[in-house]
Amino acid sequence: MIKDAARAAYNGHPDCETLVQETVLAWRAGSGAAHGFYWPLFGRAGTEQITGADSRGNAAFVAGGSFEAIAQPYMAAFYLCEAGWKLLRRRGM
């Protein structure tokens, strides 16, 4: 559903397929974070382990951020919402 919504929102944009892929990735990462999963942070630039593993295998990590990491998901949500509101107006709702 997200892929279809992104494709409709970015229809006609020269980078449509790249933007669709980025939107799906942002959706999955946001969904993972919203549900308390840690995996959206692993492998991101600026994420590093700051302690050794304890006896249970747990360790502390610090996750960095960047403007780009925040901007892309925000803009994806903006464009999808904009397209959705246009469809509702077109249908008289």
C-alpha atoms as a PDB file:
ATOM      1  CA  MET A   1       0.000   0.000   0.000  1.00  0.00           C
ATOM      2  CA  ILE A   2       2.786   2.466   0.868  1.00  0.00           C
ATOM      3  CA  LYS A   3       4.600   1.701  -2.375  1.00  0.00           C
ATOM      4  CA  ASP A   4       1.430   2.360  -4.399  1.00  0.00           C
ATOM      5  CA  ALA A   5       0.702   5.566  -2.491  1.00  0.00           C
ATOM      6  CA  ALA A   6       4.261   6.803  -3.014  1.00  0.00           C
ATOM      7  CA  ARG A   7       4.146   5.940  -6.701  1.00  0.00           C
ATOM      8  CA  ALA A   8       0.919   7.945  -7.065  1.00  0.00           C
ATOM      9  CA  ALA A   9       2.296  10.879  -5.060  1.00  0.00           C
ATOM     10  CA  TYR A  10       5.543  11.066  -7.062  1.00  0.00           C
ATOM     11  CA  ASN A  11       3.959  10.268 -10.433  1.00  0.00           C
ATOM     12  CA  GLY A  12       5.679  12.318 -13.116  1.00  0.00           C
ATOM     13  CA  HIS A  13       8.718  13.151 -11.000  1.00  0.00           C
ATOM     14  CA  PRO A  14      11.962  12.261 -12.820  1.00  0.00           C
ATOM     15  CA  ASP A  15      13.243  10.363  -9.753  1.00  0.00           C
ATOM     16  CA  CYS A  16       9.914   8.633  -9.062  1.00  0.00           C
ATOM     17  CA  GLU A  17      11.236   5.102  -8.528  1.00  0.00           C
ATOM     18  CA  THR A  18      14.096   6.260  -6.299  1.00  0.00           C
ATOM     19  CA  LEU A  19      11.675   8.335  -4.230  1.00  0.00           C
ATOM     20  CA  VAL A  20       9.308   5.357  -3.976  1.00  0.00           C
ATOM     21  CA  GLN A  21      12.128   3.139  -2.675  1.00  0.00           C
ATOM     22  CA  GLU A  22      13.229   5.800  -0.180  1.00  0.00           C
ATOM     23  CA  THR A  23       9.645   6.259   1.006  1.00  0.00           C
ATOM     24  CA  VAL A  24       9.170   2.533   1.611  1.00  0.00           C
ATOM     25  CA  LEU A  25      12.470   2.412   3.522  1.00  0.00           C
ATOM     26  CA  ALA A  26      11.464   5.442   5.606  1.00  0.00           C
ATOM     27  CA  TRP A  27       8.064   3.864   6.311  1.00  0.00           C
ATOM     28  CA  ARG A  28       9.637   0.604   7.460  1.00  0.00           C
ATOM     29  CA  ALA A  29      12.197   2.360   9.651  1.00  0.00           C
ATOM     30  CA  GLY A  30       9.527   4.611  11.155  1.00  0.00           C
ATOM     31  CA  SER A  31       7.251   1.657  11.757  1.00  0.00           C
ATOM     32  CA  GLY A  32      10.071  -0.244  13.432  1.00  0.00           C
ATOM     33  CA  ALA A  33      10.903   2.717  15.648  1.00  0.00           C
ATOM     34  CA  ALA A  34       7.226   3.336  16.488  1.00  0.00           C
ATOM     35  CA  HIS A  35       6.890  -0.262  17.653  1.00  0.00           C
ATOM     36  CA  GLY A  36      10.018  -0.131  19.804  1.00  0.00           C
ATOM     37  CA  PHE A  37      12.295  -2.137  17.539  1.00  0.00           C
ATOM     38  CA  TYR A  38      15.983  -1.274  17.533  1.00  0.00           C
ATOM     39  CA  TRP A  39      16.814  -2.463  14.033  1.00  0.00           C
ATOM     40  CA  PRO A  40      16.129   0.888  12.314  1.00  0.00           C
ATOM     41  CA  LEU A  41      19.234   2.249  14.093  1.00  0.00           C
ATOM     42  CA  PHE A  42      21.661  -0.546  13.247  1.00  0.00           C
ATOM     43  CA  GLY A  43      23.852   0.118  10.253  1.00  0.00           C
ATOM     44  CA  ARG A  44      23.077   3.844  10.189  1.00  0.00           C
ATOM     45  CA  ALA A  45      25.929   6.298  10.059  1.00  0.00           C
ATOM     46  CA  GLY A  46      26.648   7.610  13.532  1.00  0.00           C
ATOM     47  CA  THR A  47      25.450   4.521  15.413  1.00  0.00           C
ATOM     48  CA  GLU A  48      28.163   2.999  17.561  1.00  0.00           C
ATOM     49  CA  GLN A  49      28.475   0.550  20.416  1.00  0.00           C
ATOM     50  CA  ILE A  50      29.818   2.414  23.466  1.00  0.00           C
ATOM     51  CA  THR A  51      30.103  -0.424  25.995  1.00  0.00           C
ATOM     52  CA  GLY A  52      31.101  -4.030  25.837  1.00  0.00           C
ATOM     53  CA  ALA A  53      28.460  -6.719  26.102  1.00  0.00           C
ATOM     54  CA  ASP A  54      27.420  -7.690  29.601  1.00  0.00           C
ATOM     55  CA  SER A  55      26.889 -11.263  30.810  1.00  0.00           C
ATOM     56  CA  ARG A  56      23.527 -11.384  29.016  1.00  0.00           C
ATOM     57  CA  GLY A  57      24.948 -10.055  25.757  1.00  0.00           C
ATOM     58  CA  ASN A  58      23.462  -6.565  26.118  1.00  0.00           C
ATOM     59  CA  ALA A  59      25.478  -3.466  25.255  1.00  0.00           C
ATOM     60  CA  ALA A  60      24.823   0.263  25.083  1.00  0.00           C
ATOM     61  CA  PHE A  61      24.718   2.065  21.746  1.00  0.00           C
ATOM     62  CA  VAL A  62      24.578   5.718  20.738  1.00  0.00           C
ATOM     63  CA  ALA A  63      22.663   6.622  17.586  1.00  0.00           C
ATOM     64  CA  GLY A  64      23.559   9.806  15.738  1.00  0.00           C
ATOM     65  CA  GLY A  65      21.351  11.702  13.362  1.00  0.00           C
ATOM     66  CA  SER A  66      21.489  14.100  10.472  1.00  0.00           C
ATOM     67  CA  PHE A  67      19.257  16.559   8.694  1.00  0.00           C
ATOM     68  CA  GLU A  68      18.963  14.153   5.755  1.00  0.00           C
ATOM     69  CA  ALA A  69      17.857  11.309   8.020  1.00  0.00           C
ATOM     70  CA  ILE A  70      15.023  13.486   9.306  1.00  0.00           C
ATOM     71  CA  ALA A  71      14.124  15.376   6.130  1.00  0.00           C
ATOM     72  CA  GLN A  72      13.454  12.451   3.777  1.00  0.00           C
ATOM     73  CA  PRO A  73      10.823  10.721   5.944  1.00  0.00           C
ATOM     74  CA  TYR A  74       9.198  14.079   6.691  1.00  0.00           C
ATOM     75  CA  MET A  75       9.000  15.017   3.010  1.00  0.00           C
ATOM     76  CA  ALA A  76       7.721  11.549   2.076  1.00  0.00           C
ATOM     77  CA  ALA A  77       4.914  11.920   4.622  1.00  0.00           C
ATOM     78  CA  PHE A  78       4.193  15.433   3.344  1.00  0.00           C
ATOM     79  CA  TYR A  79       3.887  14.368  -0.305  1.00  0.00           C
ATOM     80  CA  LEU A  80       1.778  11.306   0.491  1.00  0.00           C
ATOM     81  CA  CYS A  81      -0.580  13.383   2.642  1.00  0.00           C
ATOM     82  CA  GLU A  82      -0.767  16.083  -0.011  1.00  0.00           C
ATOM     83  CA  ALA A  83      -1.719  13.492  -2.641  1.00  0.00           C
ATOM     84  CA  GLY A  84      -4.296  11.957  -0.300  1.00  0.00           C
ATOM     85  CA  TRP A  85      -5.953  15.306   0.434  1.00  0.00           C
ATOM     86  CA  LYS A  86      -6.091  16.091  -3.300  1.00  0.00           C
ATOM     87  CA  LEU A  87      -7.870  12.793  -3.925  1.00  0.00           C
ATOM     88  CA  LEU A  88     -10.376  13.498  -1.148  1.00  0.00           C
ATOM     89  CA  ARG A  89     -11.102  16.995  -2.524  1.00  0.00           C
ATOM     90  CA  ARG A  90     -11.478  15.580  -6.027  1.00  0.00           C
ATOM     91  CA  ARG A  91     -14.059  13.128  -4.684  1.00  0.00           C
ATOM     92  CA  GLY A  92     -15.931  15.892  -2.865  1.00  0.00           C
ATOM     93  CA  MET A  93     -15.084  14.742   0.628  1.00  0.00           C
END
